[in-house]
Protein backbone atom coordinates (compact mmCIF):
# COMPACT_ATOMS: atom_id res chain seq x y z
CA MET A 1 21.36 -97.67 -24.91
CA ALA A 2 19.09 -97.75 -27.81
CA VAL A 3 16.17 -95.11 -27.86
CA LEU A 4 13.15 -95.13 -29.98
CA ASN A 5 10.90 -92.05 -28.94
CA VAL A 6 7.87 -91.78 -31.02
CA HIS A 7 5.23 -89.15 -30.64
CA GLU A 8 2.06 -88.64 -33.13
CA ARG A 9 -1.07 -86.87 -33.62
CA VAL A 10 -4.00 -86.89 -36.13
CA LEU A 11 -4.94 -83.62 -37.73
CA ALA A 12 -8.10 -82.41 -39.62
CA ALA A 13 -6.23 -81.06 -42.46
CA SER A 14 -5.10 -82.40 -45.91
CA SER A 15 -1.51 -83.65 -46.39
CA ASP A 16 -0.64 -80.18 -48.45
CA HIS A 17 -1.57 -78.25 -45.86
CA ALA A 18 -0.06 -80.23 -43.02
CA GLY A 19 3.21 -80.67 -45.04
CA ARG A 20 3.49 -76.85 -45.09
CA LEU A 21 4.17 -76.90 -41.38
CA ILE A 22 7.45 -79.25 -42.00
CA ASP A 23 8.35 -77.06 -44.99
CA GLY A 24 8.27 -73.97 -42.57
CA LEU A 25 10.47 -75.16 -39.68
CA ALA A 26 12.97 -72.87 -38.61
CA SER A 27 11.97 -70.04 -40.99
CA PRO A 28 10.38 -66.61 -40.12
CA GLY A 29 7.06 -67.94 -40.36
CA ASP A 30 7.21 -71.41 -38.68
CA ARG A 31 3.95 -72.49 -37.34
CA LEU A 32 5.14 -75.61 -35.95
CA TRP A 33 7.97 -75.41 -33.73
CA PRO A 34 6.81 -73.91 -30.57
CA ARG A 35 9.30 -71.02 -30.15
CA ASP A 36 7.28 -69.19 -27.78
CA ARG A 37 7.44 -71.51 -25.01
CA TRP A 38 10.83 -73.27 -26.08
CA PRO A 39 14.31 -72.36 -27.68
CA ALA A 40 13.66 -71.43 -31.32
CA MET A 41 14.89 -73.96 -34.01
CA ARG A 42 17.42 -72.05 -36.12
CA LEU A 43 19.50 -73.38 -39.28
CA ASP A 44 22.08 -71.73 -41.00
CA ARG A 45 20.18 -71.90 -44.24
CA PRO A 46 16.56 -72.34 -45.58
CA LEU A 47 15.44 -76.03 -44.55
CA GLN A 48 17.37 -78.48 -47.22
CA VAL A 49 19.87 -81.29 -47.06
CA GLY A 50 23.17 -79.97 -45.45
CA ALA A 51 21.54 -77.14 -43.56
CA GLU A 52 23.21 -77.31 -39.85
CA GLY A 53 21.58 -75.72 -36.81
CA GLY A 54 19.53 -76.86 -33.70
CA HIS A 55 17.71 -75.58 -30.79
CA GLY A 56 19.19 -74.95 -27.47
CA PRO A 57 21.94 -77.18 -26.71
CA ILE A 58 20.78 -79.49 -29.56
CA ARG A 59 22.52 -79.77 -32.53
CA TYR A 60 21.81 -81.28 -35.70
CA VAL A 61 22.31 -81.29 -39.83
CA VAL A 62 19.27 -81.96 -42.09
CA ASP A 63 20.21 -85.64 -43.48
CA ALA A 64 16.95 -85.96 -45.61
CA TYR A 65 14.13 -83.69 -46.81
CA GLU A 66 11.11 -84.63 -48.74
CA PRO A 67 9.15 -81.30 -49.11
CA GLY A 68 5.49 -81.47 -47.91
CA HIS A 69 6.48 -85.08 -46.55
CA SER A 70 9.21 -85.58 -44.09
CA VAL A 71 12.44 -84.04 -42.71
CA ARG A 72 15.22 -86.02 -40.58
CA PHE A 73 17.76 -84.30 -38.83
CA ARG A 74 21.13 -86.08 -37.73
CA PHE A 75 22.56 -85.18 -34.22
CA THR A 76 25.79 -83.54 -33.81
CA ALA A 77 25.58 -82.56 -30.24
CA PRO A 78 25.18 -83.16 -27.38
CA HIS A 79 28.13 -85.52 -27.02
CA GLY A 80 26.92 -88.99 -26.93
CA PHE A 81 23.54 -88.70 -28.98
CA VAL A 82 24.18 -90.81 -31.94
CA GLY A 83 21.00 -90.90 -34.42
CA THR A 84 18.40 -89.13 -35.81
CA HIS A 85 15.03 -87.04 -35.28
CA GLY A 86 12.64 -86.09 -37.74
CA PHE A 87 8.90 -85.23 -38.57
CA ASP A 88 6.79 -87.06 -41.24
CA VAL A 89 3.27 -86.45 -42.54
CA GLU A 90 1.22 -89.41 -43.37
CA ALA A 91 -2.39 -88.92 -45.45
CA LEU A 92 -4.81 -90.99 -43.63
CA ASP A 93 -7.66 -89.81 -45.95
CA ASP A 94 -8.58 -86.43 -47.78
CA ALA A 95 -9.15 -84.56 -44.65
CA ARG A 96 -6.98 -86.30 -42.09
CA VAL A 97 -3.31 -86.75 -41.81
CA ARG A 98 -1.17 -88.15 -39.03
CA ILE A 99 2.12 -85.92 -37.96
CA ARG A 100 4.84 -87.98 -36.41
CA HIS A 101 8.03 -87.10 -34.68
CA VAL A 102 10.38 -89.93 -34.35
CA LEU A 103 13.57 -89.60 -32.47
CA ASP A 104 15.70 -92.88 -32.86
CA MET A 105 19.33 -93.03 -31.35
CA ARG A 106 21.86 -94.43 -29.30
CA VAL A 107 23.07 -92.65 -26.28
CA GLU A 108 26.24 -93.23 -25.13
CA GLY A 109 28.76 -92.04 -22.31
CA PRO A 110 27.29 -89.36 -19.92
CA ALA A 111 24.21 -89.35 -22.54
CA ARG A 112 23.01 -92.27 -20.95
CA TRP A 113 21.89 -90.62 -17.77
CA SER A 114 21.26 -87.18 -19.18
CA TRP A 115 18.54 -88.43 -21.84
CA PRO A 116 16.46 -89.94 -19.29
CA VAL A 117 16.78 -87.46 -16.38
CA LEU A 118 17.05 -84.21 -18.33
CA TYR A 119 16.57 -84.20 -21.96
CA ARG A 120 13.61 -86.81 -22.49
CA PRO A 121 11.19 -84.79 -20.31
CA LEU A 122 11.86 -81.78 -21.88
CA HIS A 123 11.92 -83.37 -25.56
CA ASP A 124 8.54 -84.98 -24.63
CA ALA A 125 7.18 -81.82 -23.65
CA LEU A 126 8.43 -79.65 -26.55
CA ILE A 127 7.20 -82.04 -29.04
CA GLU A 128 3.39 -82.15 -27.50
CA ASP A 129 3.63 -78.17 -27.52
CA ALA A 130 4.75 -78.60 -31.29
CA PHE A 131 1.94 -80.73 -32.07
CA ASP A 132 -0.43 -78.61 -30.20
CA ARG A 133 0.55 -75.92 -32.38
CA ALA A 134 -0.03 -77.94 -35.51
CA GLU A 135 -3.58 -78.82 -34.32
CA SER A 136 -4.59 -75.35 -33.61
CA GLN A 137 -3.38 -74.45 -37.05
CA PHE A 138 -6.38 -76.45 -38.25
CA GLY A 139 -9.11 -75.30 -36.06
CA GLY A 140 -8.27 -78.08 -33.40
CA GLN A 141 -9.30 -77.36 -29.78
CA VAL A 142 -6.32 -77.90 -27.88
CA GLN A 143 -6.50 -78.34 -24.13
CA ARG A 144 -3.03 -77.60 -23.41
CA PRO A 145 -1.55 -80.19 -20.76
CA ARG A 146 0.30 -79.13 -17.88
CA TRP A 147 3.74 -79.51 -18.14
CA SER A 148 4.89 -82.26 -15.27
CA GLY A 149 6.44 -80.72 -12.05
CA TRP A 150 9.76 -82.14 -13.20
CA VAL A 151 9.59 -80.32 -16.63
CA ARG A 152 8.62 -77.19 -14.79
CA ILE A 153 11.85 -77.67 -12.41
CA LEU A 154 14.13 -78.35 -15.11
CA ARG A 155 12.90 -75.20 -17.38
CA ARG A 156 13.39 -73.03 -14.21
CA LEU A 157 16.84 -74.46 -13.60
CA LEU A 158 18.11 -74.07 -17.19
CA ALA A 159 16.33 -70.53 -17.38
CA ARG A 160 18.63 -69.40 -14.40
CA ARG A 161 21.67 -71.00 -15.94
CA SER A 162 21.23 -69.09 -19.20
CA ARG A 163 20.52 -65.94 -17.31
CA ALA A 164 23.76 -66.26 -15.29
CA ALA A 165 25.69 -67.15 -18.44
CA ARG A 166 24.38 -64.19 -20.18
CA VAL A 167 25.34 -61.94 -17.37
CA GLN A 168 29.01 -63.28 -17.42
């Protein structure tokens, strides 16, 4: 099954300033990834082609990186996620940019049900939280939307599972 999932937000920022959000991904000073609410994005070295890592159970390798403009990650896990996801910054004018996250993949095997039921709602909430962080970096007044009931249930279930795994 083919999946194309696109999120975007217009920010009141220059291309240079917004591009730094991408450049800081997985760094100690990361101002884009919502690590206060979600598993942190971690890479085995600074952001560059070939860096490996992920967040939570999602694993990937940096496939392409154009500093200040875009980064593309290729999935290595979970099993059945075949494709990429990444961030891009596009200048609209001197004072506005569009930040975009594109997930373009094929789901196979068990991922055909786990993507729509489990991963997609969590992914959508995480990316919107990331874009809220981006907007807040440039003075935007973010009205944090509430997560859906399903996302809140999934997060509680996953938190319990994570706590139980740490105890063992």
